[in-house]
C-alpha atoms as a PDB file:
ATOM      1  CA  UNK A   1     -16.618   5.917   5.607  1.00  0.00           C
ATOM      2  CA  UNK A   2     -15.078   9.185   4.491  1.00  0.00           C
ATOM      3  CA  UNK A   3     -13.128   9.217   1.212  1.00  0.00           C
ATOM      4  CA  UNK A   4     -10.183  10.915   2.883  1.00  0.00           C
ATOM      5  CA  UNK A   5      -9.846   7.841   5.129  1.00  0.00           C
ATOM      6  CA  UNK A   6      -9.108   5.682   2.073  1.00  0.00           C
ATOM      7  CA  UNK A   7      -6.086   7.660   0.837  1.00  0.00           C
ATOM      8  CA  UNK A   8      -2.624   7.529   2.382  1.00  0.00           C
ATOM      9  CA  UNK A   9       0.391   9.759   1.865  1.00  0.00           C
ATOM     10  CA  UNK A  10       3.495   8.150   0.409  1.00  0.00           C
ATOM     11  CA  UNK A  11       5.342   9.102   3.603  1.00  0.00           C
ATOM     12  CA  UNK A  12       2.860   6.947   5.582  1.00  0.00           C
ATOM     13  CA  UNK A  13       3.822   3.789   3.686  1.00  0.00           C
ATOM     14  CA  UNK A  14       6.502   1.281   4.635  1.00  0.00           C
ATOM     15  CA  UNK A  15       9.120   1.206   1.871  1.00  0.00           C
ATOM     16  CA  UNK A  16      10.854  -2.128   1.295  1.00  0.00           C
ATOM     17  CA  UNK A  17      14.251  -1.337  -0.236  1.00  0.00           C
ATOM     18  CA  UNK A  18      15.037  -5.052  -0.673  1.00  0.00           C
ATOM     19  CA  UNK A  19      11.904  -5.568  -2.794  1.00  0.00           C
ATOM     20  CA  UNK A  20      12.436  -2.945  -5.529  1.00  0.00           C
ATOM     21  CA  UNK A  21      11.148  -0.128  -3.310  1.00  0.00           C
ATOM     22  CA  UNK A  22       7.648  -1.561  -2.922  1.00  0.00           C
ATOM     23  CA  UNK A  23       5.486   0.628  -0.672  1.00  0.00           C
ATOM     24  CA  UNK A  24       3.509  -1.385   1.873  1.00  0.00           C
ATOM     25  CA  UNK A  25       0.369  -0.379   3.754  1.00  0.00           C
ATOM     26  CA  UNK A  26       1.108   1.344   7.088  1.00  0.00           C
ATOM     27  CA  UNK A  27      -1.961  -0.278   8.685  1.00  0.00           C
ATOM     28  CA  UNK A  28      -1.457  -3.993   7.939  1.00  0.00           C
ATOM     29  CA  UNK A  29       2.096  -4.073   6.571  1.00  0.00           C
ATOM     30  CA  UNK A  30       1.293  -6.979   4.206  1.00  0.00           C
ATOM     31  CA  UNK A  31      -0.509  -5.272   1.300  1.00  0.00           C
ATOM     32  CA  UNK A  32       1.147  -2.885  -1.111  1.00  0.00           C
ATOM     33  CA  UNK A  33      -0.063   0.640  -1.766  1.00  0.00           C
ATOM     34  CA  UNK A  34      -0.936   1.644  -5.311  1.00  0.00           C
ATOM     35  CA  UNK A  35      -1.537   5.030  -6.879  1.00  0.00           C
ATOM     36  CA  UNK A  36      -4.969   5.847  -8.266  1.00  0.00           C
ATOM     37  CA  UNK A  37      -6.701   9.081  -9.298  1.00  0.00           C
ATOM     38  CA  UNK A  38      -8.550  10.786  -6.430  1.00  0.00           C
ATOM     39  CA  UNK A  39     -11.365  11.620  -8.839  1.00  0.00           C
ATOM     40  CA  UNK A  40     -12.502  10.658 -12.325  1.00  0.00           C
ATOM     41  CA  UNK A  41     -14.357  13.086 -14.589  1.00  0.00           C
ATOM     42  CA  UNK A  42     -18.048  12.438 -15.131  1.00  0.00           C
ATOM     43  CA  UNK A  43     -19.249  10.579 -18.204  1.00  0.00           C
ATOM     44  CA  UNK A  44     -20.514  13.851 -19.717  1.00  0.00           C
ATOM     45  CA  UNK A  45     -17.159  15.557 -19.167  1.00  0.00           C
ATOM     46  CA  UNK A  46     -15.319  12.602 -20.682  1.00  0.00           C
ATOM     47  CA  UNK A  47     -17.642  12.610 -23.709  1.00  0.00           C
ATOM     48  CA  UNK A  48     -17.075  16.338 -24.250  1.00  0.00           C
ATOM     49  CA  UNK A  49     -13.324  15.850 -24.003  1.00  0.00           C
ATOM     50  CA  UNK A  50     -13.424  13.020 -26.563  1.00  0.00           C
ATOM     51  CA  UNK A  51     -15.401  15.231 -28.955  1.00  0.00           C
ATOM     52  CA  UNK A  52     -12.631  17.829 -28.706  1.00  0.00           C
ATOM     53  CA  UNK A  53      -9.989  15.141 -29.219  1.00  0.00           C
ATOM     54  CA  UNK A  54      -8.651  15.510 -25.677  1.00  0.00           C
ATOM     55  CA  UNK A  55      -7.605  12.708 -23.392  1.00  0.00           C
ATOM     56  CA  UNK A  56      -7.934  12.887 -19.607  1.00  0.00           C
ATOM     57  CA  UNK A  57      -4.703  12.221 -17.788  1.00  0.00           C
ATOM     58  CA  UNK A  58      -4.601  12.863 -14.042  1.00  0.00           C
ATOM     59  CA  UNK A  59      -1.938  15.228 -12.735  1.00  0.00           C
ATOM     60  CA  UNK A  60       0.474  13.925 -10.123  1.00  0.00           C
ATOM     61  CA  UNK A  61      -1.167  16.084  -7.435  1.00  0.00           C
ATOM     62  CA  UNK A  62      -4.524  14.458  -8.267  1.00  0.00           C
ATOM     63  CA  UNK A  63      -3.199  10.981  -7.490  1.00  0.00           C
ATOM     64  CA  UNK A  64      -3.585   9.233  -4.136  1.00  0.00           C
ATOM     65  CA  UNK A  65      -2.152   6.104  -2.516  1.00  0.00           C
ATOM     66  CA  UNK A  66      -4.568   3.335  -1.494  1.00  0.00           C
ATOM     67  CA  UNK A  67      -4.115  -0.111   0.026  1.00  0.00           C
ATOM     68  CA  UNK A  68      -4.958  -2.772  -2.543  1.00  0.00           C
ATOM     69  CA  UNK A  69      -6.143  -5.021   0.309  1.00  0.00           C
ATOM     70  CA  UNK A  70      -8.821  -2.541   1.367  1.00  0.00           C
ATOM     71  CA  UNK A  71      -7.334  -1.010   4.527  1.00  0.00           C
ATOM     72  CA  UNK A  72      -8.354   2.522   5.473  1.00  0.00           C
ATOM     73  CA  UNK A  73      -6.810   4.921   7.968  1.00  0.00           C
ATOM     74  CA  UNK A  74      -9.293   3.681  10.553  1.00  0.00           C
ATOM     75  CA  UNK A  75      -9.750  -0.009   9.708  1.00  0.00           C
ATOM     76  CA  UNK A  76      -7.590  -2.981   8.716  1.00  0.00           C
ATOM     77  CA  UNK A  77      -8.689  -5.247   5.849  1.00  0.00           C
ATOM     78  CA  UNK A  78     -10.700  -8.376   6.656  1.00  0.00           C
END
């Protein structure tokens, strides 16, 4: 499985206006999409940042939408 198959674009999702704007998976339609970072810094990078007193916060462009049921662009959840 390719990592790019796991992430969806917000425009792909099904937005339910009646349910507080919840974004549902475009593959199954029953699971919601959630935003997660597309990458997480390595342990060494995180340790170096902590030493400098920095905190890692992902930028909006580094966030991706995933199905919390496990669907990908090519496969529906079990």
